[in-house]
Amino acid sequence: MAKSLRSKWKRKMRAEKRKKNAPKELSRLKSILKIDDIFMKDVQEIATMVVPRHSEEKAPCMAKEEKEDMKMETDIKRNKKSLLDQHGQYPIWMNQRQRKKLKAKREKKKGKSKAKAVKAAKGLAW
């Protein structure tokens, strides 16, 4: 169960909210526990803090060299019109109904061009 669009959206928004509130939550935990640096290492092993994207842009903590090393090479080339990549795969967010519709559209266009080629070969004007 839980495959509806509403539940997917809710799950996504909860995850974003968790990311956004993680720094505040961590600071609240630190203030409650009044942790020293010695105990902080133990806490870091247990809990990992994820910095939200908007705060990364405002306060760049990492050096440029580290960011370049961490960047993954994603050379996915997509056709803007058909949304197919170089391997003929659709994006993961696209559902089966949308894929089927785009495929039918592509094949319909392909069929028309073949019919035009046959007519041109026979010399028909219409």
PDB file of N, CA and C in Angstrom:
ATOM      1  N   MET A   1       0.829  -1.170   0.000  1.00  0.00           N
ATOM      2  CA  MET A   1       0.000   0.000   0.000  1.00  0.00           C
ATOM      3  C   MET A   1       0.885   1.250   0.000  1.00  0.00           C
ATOM      4  N   ALA A   2       0.323   2.397   0.263  1.00  0.00           N
ATOM      5  CA  ALA A   2       1.046   3.670   0.343  1.00  0.00           C
ATOM      6  C   ALA A   2       1.789   3.993  -0.946  1.00  0.00           C
ATOM      7  N   LYS A   3       1.121   3.810  -2.068  1.00  0.00           N
ATOM      8  CA  LYS A   3       1.718   4.122  -3.359  1.00  0.00           C
ATOM      9  C   LYS A   3       1.035   5.314  -4.025  1.00  0.00           C
ATOM     10  N   SER A   4       0.104   5.931  -3.341  1.00  0.00           N
ATOM     11  CA  SER A   4      -0.613   7.043  -3.950  1.00  0.00           C
ATOM     12  C   SER A   4       0.286   8.274  -4.034  1.00  0.00           C
ATOM     13  N   LEU A   5      -0.089   9.192  -4.884  1.00  0.00           N
ATOM     14  CA  LEU A   5       0.698  10.416  -5.048  1.00  0.00           C
ATOM     15  C   LEU A   5       0.728  11.222  -3.756  1.00  0.00           C
ATOM     16  N   ARG A   6      -0.391  11.224  -3.058  1.00  0.00           N
ATOM     17  CA  ARG A   6      -0.453  11.998  -1.820  1.00  0.00           C
ATOM     18  C   ARG A   6       0.538  11.474  -0.792  1.00  0.00           C
ATOM     19  N   SER A   7       0.593  10.148  -0.636  1.00  0.00           N
ATOM     20  CA  SER A   7       1.508   9.586   0.366  1.00  0.00           C
ATOM     21  C   SER A   7       2.963   9.780  -0.044  1.00  0.00           C
ATOM     22  N   LYS A   8       3.242   9.706  -1.353  1.00  0.00           N
ATOM     23  CA  LYS A   8       4.604   9.954  -1.813  1.00  0.00           C
ATOM     24  C   LYS A   8       5.011  11.391  -1.526  1.00  0.00           C
ATOM     25  N   TRP A   9       4.089  12.310  -1.787  1.00  0.00           N
ATOM     26  CA  TRP A   9       4.365  13.731  -1.549  1.00  0.00           C
ATOM     27  C   TRP A   9       4.585  13.986  -0.065  1.00  0.00           C
ATOM     28  N   LYS A  10       3.738  13.399   0.776  1.00  0.00           N
ATOM     29  CA  LYS A  10       3.872  13.574   2.221  1.00  0.00           C
ATOM     30  C   LYS A  10       5.220  13.040   2.709  1.00  0.00           C
ATOM     31  N   ARG A  11       5.613  11.864   2.208  1.00  0.00           N
ATOM     32  CA  ARG A  11       6.881  11.267   2.595  1.00  0.00           C
ATOM     33  C   ARG A  11       8.042  12.174   2.188  1.00  0.00           C
ATOM     34  N   LYS A  12       7.965  12.713   0.974  1.00  0.00           N
ATOM     35  CA  LYS A  12       9.013  13.598   0.472  1.00  0.00           C
ATOM     36  C   LYS A  12       9.118  14.854   1.327  1.00  0.00           C
ATOM     37  N   MET A  13       7.990  15.446   1.649  1.00  0.00           N
ATOM     38  CA  MET A  13       7.984  16.683   2.438  1.00  0.00           C
ATOM     39  C   MET A  13       8.481  16.436   3.862  1.00  0.00           C
ATOM     40  N   ARG A  14       8.133  15.277   4.426  1.00  0.00           N
ATOM     41  CA  ARG A  14       8.639  14.963   5.774  1.00  0.00           C
ATOM     42  C   ARG A  14      10.146  14.832   5.760  1.00  0.00           C
ATOM     43  N   ALA A  15      10.700  14.219   4.695  1.00  0.00           N
ATOM     44  CA  ALA A  15      12.152  14.060   4.592  1.00  0.00           C
ATOM     45  C   ALA A  15      12.832  15.425   4.476  1.00  0.00           C
ATOM     46  N   GLU A  16      12.244  16.324   3.678  1.00  0.00           N
ATOM     47  CA  GLU A  16      12.817  17.667   3.547  1.00  0.00           C
ATOM     48  C   GLU A  16      12.746  18.425   4.868  1.00  0.00           C
ATOM     49  N   LYS A  17      11.658  18.242   5.577  1.00  0.00           N
ATOM     50  CA  LYS A  17      11.500  18.915   6.859  1.00  0.00           C
ATOM     51  C   LYS A  17      12.542  18.408   7.860  1.00  0.00           C
ATOM     52  N   ARG A  18      12.797  17.084   7.829  1.00  0.00           N
ATOM     53  CA  ARG A  18      13.828  16.516   8.698  1.00  0.00           C
ATOM     54  C   ARG A  18      15.185  17.133   8.401  1.00  0.00           C
ATOM     55  N   LYS A  19      15.502  17.255   7.101  1.00  0.00           N
ATOM     56  CA  LYS A  19      16.789  17.849   6.714  1.00  0.00           C
ATOM     57  C   LYS A  19      16.894  19.285   7.192  1.00  0.00           C
ATOM     58  N   LYS A  20      15.796  20.020   7.036  1.00  0.00           N
ATOM     59  CA  LYS A  20      15.793  21.431   7.397  1.00  0.00           C
ATOM     60  C   LYS A  20      15.950  21.622   8.902  1.00  0.00           C
ATOM     61  N   ASN A  21      15.306  20.772   9.681  1.00  0.00           N
ATOM     62  CA  ASN A  21      15.309  20.929  11.131  1.00  0.00           C
ATOM     63  C   ASN A  21      16.466  20.222  11.827  1.00  0.00           C
ATOM     64  N   ALA A  22      17.274  19.487  11.098  1.00  0.00           N
ATOM     65  CA  ALA A  22      18.364  18.721  11.716  1.00  0.00           C
ATOM     66  C   ALA A  22      19.351  19.603  12.482  1.00  0.00           C
ATOM     67  N   PRO A  23      19.830  20.730  11.922  1.00  0.00           N
ATOM     68  CA  PRO A  23      20.786  21.552  12.692  1.00  0.00           C
ATOM     69  C   PRO A  23      20.181  22.098  13.985  1.00  0.00           C
ATOM     70  N   LYS A  24      18.928  22.531  13.920  1.00  0.00           N
ATOM     71  CA  LYS A  24      18.269  23.055  15.127  1.00  0.00           C
ATOM     72  C   LYS A  24      18.131  21.958  16.170  1.00  0.00           C
ATOM     73  N   GLU A  25      17.757  20.776  15.702  1.00  0.00           N
ATOM     74  CA  GLU A  25      17.569  19.650  16.611  1.00  0.00           C
ATOM     75  C   GLU A  25      18.883  19.272  17.287  1.00  0.00           C
ATOM     76  N   LEU A  26      19.954  19.276  16.503  1.00  0.00           N
ATOM     77  CA  LEU A  26      21.265  18.935  17.051  1.00  0.00           C
ATOM     78  C   LEU A  26      21.706  19.972  18.072  1.00  0.00           C
ATOM     79  N   SER A  27      21.507  21.252  17.770  1.00  0.00           N
ATOM     80  CA  SER A  27      21.895  22.291  18.723  1.00  0.00           C
ATOM     81  C   SER A  27      21.060  22.189  19.999  1.00  0.00           C
ATOM     82  N   ARG A  28      19.789  21.841  19.864  1.00  0.00           N
ATOM     83  CA  ARG A  28      18.919  21.664  21.024  1.00  0.00           C
ATOM     84  C   ARG A  28      19.404  20.496  21.873  1.00  0.00           C
ATOM     85  N   LEU A  29      19.805  19.394  21.210  1.00  0.00           N
ATOM     86  CA  LEU A  29      20.330  18.239  21.945  1.00  0.00           C
ATOM     87  C   LEU A  29      21.617  18.594  22.679  1.00  0.00           C
ATOM     88  N   LYS A  30      22.488  19.365  22.012  1.00  0.00           N
ATOM     89  CA  LYS A  30      23.741  19.776  22.652  1.00  0.00           C
ATOM     90  C   LYS A  30      23.469  20.626  23.882  1.00  0.00           C
ATOM     91  N   SER A  31      22.520  21.548  23.743  1.00  0.00           N
ATOM     92  CA  SER A  31      22.221  22.427  24.879  1.00  0.00           C
ATOM     93  C   SER A  31      21.605  21.639  26.037  1.00  0.00           C
ATOM     94  N   ILE A  32      20.797  20.653  25.723  1.00  0.00           N
ATOM     95  CA  ILE A  32      20.182  19.843  26.777  1.00  0.00           C
ATOM     96  C   ILE A  32      21.241  19.006  27.488  1.00  0.00           C
ATOM     97  N   LEU A  33      22.096  18.376  26.708  1.00  0.00           N
ATOM     98  CA  LEU A  33      23.103  17.491  27.295  1.00  0.00           C
ATOM     99  C   LEU A  33      24.345  18.231  27.782  1.00  0.00           C
ATOM    100  N   LYS A  34      24.538  19.473  27.294  1.00  0.00           N
ATOM    101  CA  LYS A  34      25.731  20.274  27.633  1.00  0.00           C
ATOM    102  C   LYS A  34      26.989  19.449  27.410  1.00  0.00           C
ATOM    103  N   ILE A  35      27.137  19.068  26.171  1.00  0.00           N
ATOM    104  CA  ILE A  35      28.209  18.155  25.783  1.00  0.00           C
ATOM    105  C   ILE A  35      29.523  18.895  25.606  1.00  0.00           C
ATOM    106  N   ASP A  36      30.592  18.271  26.081  1.00  0.00           N
ATOM    107  CA  ASP A  36      31.934  18.777  25.822  1.00  0.00           C
ATOM    108  C   ASP A  36      32.431  18.168  24.524  1.00  0.00           C
ATOM    109  N   ASP A  37      33.603  18.609  24.071  1.00  0.00           N
ATOM    110  CA  ASP A  37      34.174  18.082  22.832  1.00  0.00           C
ATOM    111  C   ASP A  37      34.550  16.611  22.964  1.00  0.00           C
ATOM    112  N   ILE A  38      34.874  16.180  24.158  1.00  0.00           N
ATOM    113  CA  ILE A  38      35.271  14.787  24.377  1.00  0.00           C
ATOM    114  C   ILE A  38      34.096  13.854  24.082  1.00  0.00           C
ATOM    115  N   PHE A  39      32.914  14.197  24.562  1.00  0.00           N
ATOM    116  CA  PHE A  39      31.743  13.353  24.367  1.00  0.00           C
ATOM    117  C   PHE A  39      31.131  13.533  22.975  1.00  0.00           C
ATOM    118  N   MET A  40      31.470  14.629  22.319  1.00  0.00           N
ATOM    119  CA  MET A  40      30.890  14.929  21.015  1.00  0.00           C
ATOM    120  C   MET A  40      31.284  13.881  19.979  1.00  0.00           C
ATOM    121  N   LYS A  41      32.483  13.328  20.087  1.00  0.00           N
ATOM    122  CA  LYS A  41      32.931  12.308  19.139  1.00  0.00           C
ATOM    123  C   LYS A  41      32.037  11.072  19.206  1.00  0.00           C
ATOM    124  N   ASP A  42      31.624  10.703  20.400  1.00  0.00           N
ATOM    125  CA  ASP A  42      30.728   9.562  20.561  1.00  0.00           C
ATOM    126  C   ASP A  42      29.372   9.847  19.930  1.00  0.00           C
ATOM    127  N   VAL A  43      28.889  11.061  20.087  1.00  0.00           N
ATOM    128  CA  VAL A  43      27.590  11.444  19.521  1.00  0.00           C
ATOM    129  C   VAL A  43      27.658  11.463  17.999  1.00  0.00           C
ATOM    130  N   GLN A  44      28.774  11.911  17.451  1.00  0.00           N
ATOM    131  CA  GLN A  44      28.918  11.963  16.004  1.00  0.00           C
ATOM    132  C   GLN A  44      28.896  10.575  15.390  1.00  0.00           C
ATOM    133  N   GLU A  45      29.387   9.582  16.107  1.00  0.00           N
ATOM    134  CA  GLU A  45      29.326   8.213  15.611  1.00  0.00           C
ATOM    135  C   GLU A  45      27.884   7.716  15.546  1.00  0.00           C
ATOM    136  N   ILE A  46      27.078   8.135  16.509  1.00  0.00           N
ATOM    137  CA  ILE A  46      25.691   7.685  16.572  1.00  0.00           C
ATOM    138  C   ILE A  46      24.804   8.464  15.599  1.00  0.00           C
ATOM    139  N   ALA A  47      24.880   9.776  15.643  1.00  0.00           N
ATOM    140  CA  ALA A  47      23.984  10.621  14.838  1.00  0.00           C
ATOM    141  C   ALA A  47      24.785  11.415  13.815  1.00  0.00           C
ATOM    142  N   THR A  48      24.267  11.441  12.600  1.00  0.00           N
ATOM    143  CA  THR A  48      24.911  12.243  11.564  1.00  0.00           C
ATOM    144  C   THR A  48      24.037  13.448  11.260  1.00  0.00           C
ATOM    145  N   MET A  49      24.680  14.590  11.090  1.00  0.00           N
ATOM    146  CA  MET A  49      23.932  15.809  10.800  1.00  0.00           C
ATOM    147  C   MET A  49      24.016  16.103   9.310  1.00  0.00           C
ATOM    148  N   VAL A  50      22.871  16.367   8.696  1.00  0.00           N
ATOM    149  CA  VAL A  50      22.812  16.710   7.286  1.00  0.00           C
ATOM    150  C   VAL A  50      22.515  18.195   7.185  1.00  0.00           C
ATOM    151  N   VAL A  51      23.401  18.923   6.509  1.00  0.00           N
ATOM    152  CA  VAL A  51      23.213  20.358   6.356  1.00  0.00           C
ATOM    153  C   VAL A  51      22.277  20.609   5.182  1.00  0.00           C
ATOM    154  N   PRO A  52      21.242  21.433   5.338  1.00  0.00           N
ATOM    155  CA  PRO A  52      20.349  21.711   4.224  1.00  0.00           C
ATOM    156  C   PRO A  52      21.060  22.457   3.101  1.00  0.00           C
ATOM    157  N   ARG A  53      20.520  22.325   1.882  1.00  0.00           N
ATOM    158  CA  ARG A  53      21.167  22.901   0.704  1.00  0.00           C
ATOM    159  C   ARG A  53      21.275  24.412   0.782  1.00  0.00           C
ATOM    160  N   HIS A  54      20.223  25.074   1.232  1.00  0.00           N
ATOM    161  CA  HIS A  54      20.248  26.538   1.235  1.00  0.00           C
ATOM    162  C   HIS A  54      21.289  27.088   2.201  1.00  0.00           C
ATOM    163  N   SER A  55      21.579  26.394   3.289  1.00  0.00           N
ATOM    164  CA  SER A  55      22.605  26.871   4.212  1.00  0.00           C
ATOM    165  C   SER A  55      24.007  26.575   3.677  1.00  0.00           C
ATOM    166  N   GLU A  56      24.139  25.527   2.839  1.00  0.00           N
ATOM    167  CA  GLU A  56      25.433  25.251   2.215  1.00  0.00           C
ATOM    168  C   GLU A  56      25.827  26.380   1.283  1.00  0.00           C
ATOM    169  N   GLU A  57      24.831  26.900   0.552  1.00  0.00           N
ATOM    170  CA  GLU A  57      25.111  27.974  -0.385  1.00  0.00           C
ATOM    171  C   GLU A  57      25.495  29.250   0.342  1.00  0.00           C
ATOM    172  N   LYS A  58      24.839  29.516   1.473  1.00  0.00           N
ATOM    173  CA  LYS A  58      25.119  30.737   2.218  1.00  0.00           C
ATOM    174  C   LYS A  58      26.480  30.687   2.911  1.00  0.00           C
ATOM    175  N   ALA A  59      26.800  29.556   3.498  1.00  0.00           N
ATOM    176  CA  ALA A  59      28.048  29.425   4.251  1.00  0.00           C
ATOM    177  C   ALA A  59      28.855  28.258   3.693  1.00  0.00           C
ATOM    178  N   PRO A  60      29.704  28.513   2.703  1.00  0.00           N
ATOM    179  CA  PRO A  60      30.511  27.414   2.158  1.00  0.00           C
ATOM    180  C   PRO A  60      31.609  27.015   3.143  1.00  0.00           C
ATOM    181  N   CYS A  61      31.440  25.847   3.727  1.00  0.00           N
ATOM    182  CA  CYS A  61      32.386  25.360   4.730  1.00  0.00           C
ATOM    183  C   CYS A  61      33.566  24.636   4.097  1.00  0.00           C
ATOM    184  N   MET A  62      33.286  23.899   3.030  1.00  0.00           N
ATOM    185  CA  MET A  62      34.324  23.092   2.417  1.00  0.00           C
ATOM    186  C   MET A  62      35.161  23.912   1.445  1.00  0.00           C
ATOM    187  N   ALA A  63      36.379  23.474   1.248  1.00  0.00           N
ATOM    188  CA  ALA A  63      37.234  24.104   0.251  1.00  0.00           C
ATOM    189  C   ALA A  63      36.773  23.682  -1.139  1.00  0.00           C
ATOM    190  N   LYS A  64      37.149  24.456  -2.139  1.00  0.00           N
ATOM    191  CA  LYS A  64      36.733  24.152  -3.506  1.00  0.00           C
ATOM    192  C   LYS A  64      37.302  22.820  -3.980  1.00  0.00           C
ATOM    193  N   GLU A  65      38.501  22.499  -3.518  1.00  0.00           N
ATOM    194  CA  GLU A  65      39.136  21.243  -3.921  1.00  0.00           C
ATOM    195  C   GLU A  65      38.315  20.041  -3.454  1.00  0.00           C
ATOM    196  N   GLU A  66      37.818  20.113  -2.229  1.00  0.00           N
ATOM    197  CA  GLU A  66      37.033  19.002  -1.693  1.00  0.00           C
ATOM    198  C   GLU A  66      35.730  18.837  -2.458  1.00  0.00           C
ATOM    199  N   LYS A  67      35.106  19.957  -2.830  1.00  0.00           N
ATOM    200  CA  LYS A  67      33.853  19.880  -3.582  1.00  0.00           C
ATOM    201  C   LYS A  67      34.076  19.256  -4.949  1.00  0.00           C
ATOM    202  N   GLU A  68      35.187  19.596  -5.587  1.00  0.00           N
ATOM    203  CA  GLU A  68      35.482  19.026  -6.900  1.00  0.00           C
ATOM    204  C   GLU A  68      35.728  17.522  -6.799  1.00  0.00           C
ATOM    205  N   ASP A  69      36.391  17.104  -5.719  1.00  0.00           N
ATOM    206  CA  ASP A  69      36.655  15.677  -5.536  1.00  0.00           C
ATOM    207  C   ASP A  69      35.351  14.905  -5.281  1.00  0.00           C
ATOM    208  N   MET A  70      34.430  15.537  -4.568  1.00  0.00           N
ATOM    209  CA  MET A  70      33.194  14.853  -4.215  1.00  0.00           C
ATOM    210  C   MET A  70      32.204  14.806  -5.374  1.00  0.00           C
ATOM    211  N   LYS A  71      32.380  15.657  -6.368  1.00  0.00           N
ATOM    212  CA  LYS A  71      31.426  15.701  -7.481  1.00  0.00           C
ATOM    213  C   LYS A  71      31.500  14.405  -8.288  1.00  0.00           C
ATOM    214  N   MET A  72      30.357  13.798  -8.501  1.00  0.00           N
ATOM    215  CA  MET A  72      30.300  12.576  -9.282  1.00  0.00           C
ATOM    216  C   MET A  72      30.163  12.919 -10.750  1.00  0.00           C
ATOM    217  N   GLU A  73      30.673  12.064 -11.566  1.00  0.00           N
ATOM    218  CA  GLU A  73      30.548  12.277 -12.999  1.00  0.00           C
ATOM    219  C   GLU A  73      29.233  11.668 -13.467  1.00  0.00           C
ATOM    220  N   THR A  74      28.305  12.533 -13.806  1.00  0.00           N
ATOM    221  CA  THR A  74      27.015  12.077 -14.329  1.00  0.00           C
ATOM    222  C   THR A  74      26.880  12.641 -15.731  1.00  0.00           C
ATOM    223  N   ASP A  75      27.204  11.842 -16.703  1.00  0.00           N
ATOM    224  CA  ASP A  75      27.133  12.256 -18.098  1.00  0.00           C
ATOM    225  C   ASP A  75      25.884  11.681 -18.746  1.00  0.00           C
ATOM    226  N   ILE A  76      24.749  11.943 -18.134  1.00  0.00           N
ATOM    227  CA  ILE A  76      23.496  11.446 -18.684  1.00  0.00           C
ATOM    228  C   ILE A  76      22.995  12.470 -19.683  1.00  0.00           C
ATOM    229  N   LYS A  77      22.965  12.054 -20.929  1.00  0.00           N
ATOM    230  CA  LYS A  77      22.470  12.922 -21.989  1.00  0.00           C
ATOM    231  C   LYS A  77      21.016  12.563 -22.237  1.00  0.00           C
ATOM    232  N   ARG A  78      20.121  13.534 -22.103  1.00  0.00           N
ATOM    233  CA  ARG A  78      18.691  13.312 -22.298  1.00  0.00           C
ATOM    234  C   ARG A  78      18.172  14.128 -23.455  1.00  0.00           C
ATOM    235  N   ASN A  79      17.286  13.503 -24.225  1.00  0.00           N
ATOM    236  CA  ASN A  79      16.587  14.222 -25.273  1.00  0.00           C
ATOM    237  C   ASN A  79      15.483  15.028 -24.595  1.00  0.00           C
ATOM    238  N   LYS A  80      15.435  16.328 -24.838  1.00  0.00           N
ATOM    239  CA  LYS A  80      14.469  17.189 -24.162  1.00  0.00           C
ATOM    240  C   LYS A  80      13.032  16.850 -24.542  1.00  0.00           C
ATOM    241  N   LYS A  81      12.831  16.427 -25.791  1.00  0.00           N
ATOM    242  CA  LYS A  81      11.487  16.172 -26.272  1.00  0.00           C
ATOM    243  C   LYS A  81      10.949  14.816 -25.797  1.00  0.00           C
ATOM    244  N   SER A  82      11.735  13.770 -25.977  1.00  0.00           N
ATOM    245  CA  SER A  82      11.256  12.425 -25.638  1.00  0.00           C
ATOM    246  C   SER A  82      11.632  11.995 -24.223  1.00  0.00           C
ATOM    247  N   LEU A  83      12.531  12.737 -23.570  1.00  0.00           N
ATOM    248  CA  LEU A  83      13.020  12.455 -22.215  1.00  0.00           C
ATOM    249  C   LEU A  83      13.781  11.138 -22.105  1.00  0.00           C
ATOM    250  N   LEU A  84      14.207  10.582 -23.228  1.00  0.00           N
ATOM    251  CA  LEU A  84      15.002   9.354 -23.200  1.00  0.00           C
ATOM    252  C   LEU A  84      16.473   9.707 -23.030  1.00  0.00           C
ATOM    253  N   ASP A  85      17.197   8.864 -22.285  1.00  0.00           N
ATOM    254  CA  ASP A  85      18.636   9.078 -22.181  1.00  0.00           C
ATOM    255  C   ASP A  85      19.349   8.306 -23.285  1.00  0.00           C
ATOM    256  N   GLN A  86      20.685   8.294 -23.234  1.00  0.00           N
ATOM    257  CA  GLN A  86      21.442   7.658 -24.312  1.00  0.00           C
ATOM    258  C   GLN A  86      21.226   6.154 -24.387  1.00  0.00           C
ATOM    259  N   HIS A  87      20.723   5.550 -23.299  1.00  0.00           N
ATOM    260  CA  HIS A  87      20.477   4.113 -23.292  1.00  0.00           C
ATOM    261  C   HIS A  87      19.021   3.766 -23.601  1.00  0.00           C
ATOM    262  N   GLY A  88      18.211   4.779 -23.893  1.00  0.00           N
ATOM    263  CA  GLY A  88      16.804   4.536 -24.193  1.00  0.00           C
ATOM    264  C   GLY A  88      15.941   4.361 -22.958  1.00  0.00           C
ATOM    265  N   GLN A  89      16.409   4.877 -21.809  1.00  0.00           N
ATOM    266  CA  GLN A  89      15.666   4.753 -20.563  1.00  0.00           C
ATOM    267  C   GLN A  89      14.993   6.074 -20.213  1.00  0.00           C
ATOM    268  N   TYR A  90      13.790   5.984 -19.647  1.00  0.00           N
ATOM    269  CA  TYR A  90      13.080   7.159 -19.180  1.00  0.00           C
ATOM    270  C   TYR A  90      13.569   7.514 -17.776  1.00  0.00           C
ATOM    271  N   PRO A  91      13.331   8.740 -17.304  1.00  0.00           N
ATOM    272  CA  PRO A  91      13.721   9.095 -15.939  1.00  0.00           C
ATOM    273  C   PRO A  91      12.922   8.289 -14.908  1.00  0.00           C
ATOM    274  N   ILE A  92      13.503   8.103 -13.737  1.00  0.00           N
ATOM    275  CA  ILE A  92      12.875   7.240 -12.731  1.00  0.00           C
ATOM    276  C   ILE A  92      11.592   7.835 -12.183  1.00  0.00           C
ATOM    277  N   TRP A  93      11.449   9.157 -12.237  1.00  0.00           N
ATOM    278  CA  TRP A  93      10.247   9.779 -11.693  1.00  0.00           C
ATOM    279  C   TRP A  93       9.045   9.629 -12.616  1.00  0.00           C
ATOM    280  N   MET A  94       9.264   9.234 -13.866  1.00  0.00           N
ATOM    281  CA  MET A  94       8.160   9.129 -14.820  1.00  0.00           C
ATOM    282  C   MET A  94       7.417   7.812 -14.613  1.00  0.00           C
ATOM    283  N   ASN A  95       6.071   7.884 -14.530  1.00  0.00           N
ATOM    284  CA  ASN A  95       5.299   6.662 -14.319  1.00  0.00           C
ATOM    285  C   ASN A  95       5.017   5.960 -15.646  1.00  0.00           C
ATOM    286  N   GLN A  96       4.505   4.734 -15.540  1.00  0.00           N
ATOM    287  CA  GLN A  96       4.311   3.875 -16.717  1.00  0.00           C
ATOM    288  C   GLN A  96       3.335   4.478 -17.719  1.00  0.00           C
ATOM    289  N   ARG A  97       2.301   5.148 -17.208  1.00  0.00           N
ATOM    290  CA  ARG A  97       1.294   5.732 -18.092  1.00  0.00           C
ATOM    291  C   ARG A  97       1.928   6.817 -18.974  1.00  0.00           C
ATOM    292  N   GLN A  98       2.760   7.659 -18.378  1.00  0.00           N
ATOM    293  CA  GLN A  98       3.435   8.709 -19.148  1.00  0.00           C
ATOM    294  C   GLN A  98       4.402   8.112 -20.163  1.00  0.00           C
ATOM    295  N   ARG A  99       5.112   7.064 -19.754  1.00  0.00           N
ATOM    296  CA  ARG A  99       6.057   6.407 -20.664  1.00  0.00           C
ATOM    297  C   ARG A  99       5.325   5.830 -21.866  1.00  0.00           C
ATOM    298  N   LYS A 100       4.191   5.180 -21.595  1.00  0.00           N
ATOM    299  CA  LYS A 100       3.402   4.562 -22.654  1.00  0.00           C
ATOM    300  C   LYS A 100       2.900   5.615 -23.631  1.00  0.00           C
ATOM    301  N   LYS A 101       2.450   6.759 -23.104  1.00  0.00           N
ATOM    302  CA  LYS A 101       1.933   7.839 -23.932  1.00  0.00           C
ATOM    303  C   LYS A 101       3.034   8.402 -24.844  1.00  0.00           C
ATOM    304  N   LEU A 102       4.235   8.633 -24.283  1.00  0.00           N
ATOM    305  CA  LEU A 102       5.344   9.154 -25.079  1.00  0.00           C
ATOM    306  C   LEU A 102       5.809   8.154 -26.131  1.00  0.00           C
ATOM    307  N   LYS A 103       5.787   6.873 -25.778  1.00  0.00           N
ATOM    308  CA  LYS A 103       6.198   5.838 -26.728  1.00  0.00           C
ATOM    309  C   LYS A 103       5.226   5.779 -27.900  1.00  0.00           C
ATOM    310  N   ALA A 104       3.925   5.849 -27.604  1.00  0.00           N
ATOM    311  CA  ALA A 104       2.911   5.829 -28.657  1.00  0.00           C
ATOM    312  C   ALA A 104       3.058   7.049 -29.570  1.00  0.00           C
ATOM    313  N   LYS A 105       3.344   8.176 -28.971  1.00  0.00           N
ATOM    314  CA  LYS A 105       3.538   9.408 -29.739  1.00  0.00           C
ATOM    315  C   LYS A 105       4.738   9.273 -30.680  1.00  0.00           C
ATOM    316  N   ARG A 106       5.817   8.694 -30.152  1.00  0.00           N
ATOM    317  CA  ARG A 106       7.042   8.502 -30.943  1.00  0.00           C
ATOM    318  C   ARG A 106       6.799   7.551 -32.112  1.00  0.00           C
ATOM    319  N   GLU A 107       6.117   6.433 -31.815  1.00  0.00           N
ATOM    320  CA  GLU A 107       5.852   5.436 -32.863  1.00  0.00           C
ATOM    321  C   GLU A 107       4.874   5.963 -33.910  1.00  0.00           C
ATOM    322  N   LYS A 108       3.926   6.775 -33.483  1.00  0.00           N
ATOM    323  CA  LYS A 108       2.969   7.364 -34.418  1.00  0.00           C
ATOM    324  C   LYS A 108       3.703   8.289 -35.393  1.00  0.00           C
ATOM    325  N   LYS A 109       4.620   9.065 -34.862  1.00  0.00           N
ATOM    326  CA  LYS A 109       5.403   9.978 -35.689  1.00  0.00           C
ATOM    327  C   LYS A 109       6.295   9.183 -36.649  1.00  0.00           C
ATOM    328  N   LYS A 110       6.836   8.091 -36.164  1.00  0.00           N
ATOM    329  CA  LYS A 110       7.699   7.235 -36.967  1.00  0.00           C
ATOM    330  C   LYS A 110       6.908   6.618 -38.123  1.00  0.00           C
ATOM    331  N   GLY A 111       5.680   6.205 -37.846  1.00  0.00           N
ATOM    332  CA  GLY A 111       4.813   5.605 -38.863  1.00  0.00           C
ATOM    333  C   GLY A 111       4.454   6.597 -39.953  1.00  0.00           C
ATOM    334  N   LYS A 112       4.213   7.843 -39.587  1.00  0.00           N
ATOM    335  CA  LYS A 112       3.879   8.872 -40.577  1.00  0.00           C
ATOM    336  C   LYS A 112       5.052   9.138 -41.506  1.00  0.00           C
ATOM    337  N   SER A 113       6.248   9.191 -40.940  1.00  0.00           N
ATOM    338  CA  SER A 113       7.423   9.476 -41.778  1.00  0.00           C
ATOM    339  C   SER A 113       7.678   8.323 -42.754  1.00  0.00           C
ATOM    340  N   LYS A 114       7.409   7.081 -42.340  1.00  0.00           N
ATOM    341  CA  LYS A 114       7.565   5.939 -43.237  1.00  0.00           C
ATOM    342  C   LYS A 114       6.553   6.000 -44.374  1.00  0.00           C
ATOM    343  N   ALA A 115       5.318   6.396 -44.039  1.00  0.00           N
ATOM    344  CA  ALA A 115       4.270   6.502 -45.054  1.00  0.00           C
ATOM    345  C   ALA A 115       4.627   7.578 -46.077  1.00  0.00           C
ATOM    346  N   LYS A 116       5.174   8.695 -45.618  1.00  0.00           N
ATOM    347  CA  LYS A 116       5.590   9.766 -46.524  1.00  0.00           C
ATOM    348  C   LYS A 116       6.710   9.289 -47.440  1.00  0.00           C
ATOM    349  N   ALA A 117       7.634   8.513 -46.885  1.00  0.00           N
ATOM    350  CA  ALA A 117       8.753   8.007 -47.682  1.00  0.00           C
ATOM    351  C   ALA A 117       8.250   7.061 -48.764  1.00  0.00           C
ATOM    352  N   VAL A 118       7.266   6.227 -48.451  1.00  0.00           N
ATOM    353  CA  VAL A 118       6.707   5.273 -49.421  1.00  0.00           C
ATOM    354  C   VAL A 118       5.994   6.042 -50.534  1.00  0.00           C
ATOM    355  N   LYS A 119       5.203   7.061 -50.158  1.00  0.00           N
ATOM    356  CA  LYS A 119       4.503   7.871 -51.149  1.00  0.00           C
ATOM    357  C   LYS A 119       5.491   8.608 -52.070  1.00  0.00           C
ATOM    358  N   ALA A 120       6.557   9.107 -51.496  1.00  0.00           N
ATOM    359  CA  ALA A 120       7.559   9.819 -52.283  1.00  0.00           C
ATOM    360  C   ALA A 120       8.234   8.871 -53.258  1.00  0.00           C
ATOM    361  N   ALA A 121       8.460   7.636 -52.822  1.00  0.00           N
ATOM    362  CA  ALA A 121       9.102   6.648 -53.699  1.00  0.00           C
ATOM    363  C   ALA A 121       8.172   6.261 -54.859  1.00  0.00           C
ATOM    364  N   LYS A 122       6.870   6.207 -54.601  1.00  0.00           N
ATOM    365  CA  LYS A 122       5.922   5.859 -55.654  1.00  0.00           C
ATOM    366  C   LYS A 122       5.607   7.044 -56.553  1.00  0.00           C
ATOM    367  N   GLY A 123       5.920   8.262 -56.062  1.00  0.00           N
ATOM    368  CA  GLY A 123       5.657   9.452 -56.847  1.00  0.00           C
ATOM    369  C   GLY A 123       4.250   9.990 -56.673  1.00  0.00           C
ATOM    370  N   LEU A 124       3.577   9.651 -55.604  1.00  0.00           N
ATOM    371  CA  LEU A 124       2.229  10.144 -55.360  1.00  0.00           C
ATOM    372  C   LEU A 124       2.306  11.562 -54.771  1.00  0.00           C
ATOM    373  N   ALA A 125       1.399  12.437 -55.184  1.00  0.00           N
ATOM    374  CA  ALA A 125       1.442  13.820 -54.754  1.00  0.00           C
ATOM    375  C   ALA A 125       0.684  14.065 -53.456  1.00  0.00           C
ATOM    376  N   TRP A 126      -0.298  13.243 -53.140  1.00  0.00           N
ATOM    377  CA  TRP A 126      -1.079  13.527 -51.936  1.00  0.00           C
ATOM    378  C   TRP A 126      -0.751  12.658 -50.816  1.00  0.00           C
TER     379      TRP A 126
END
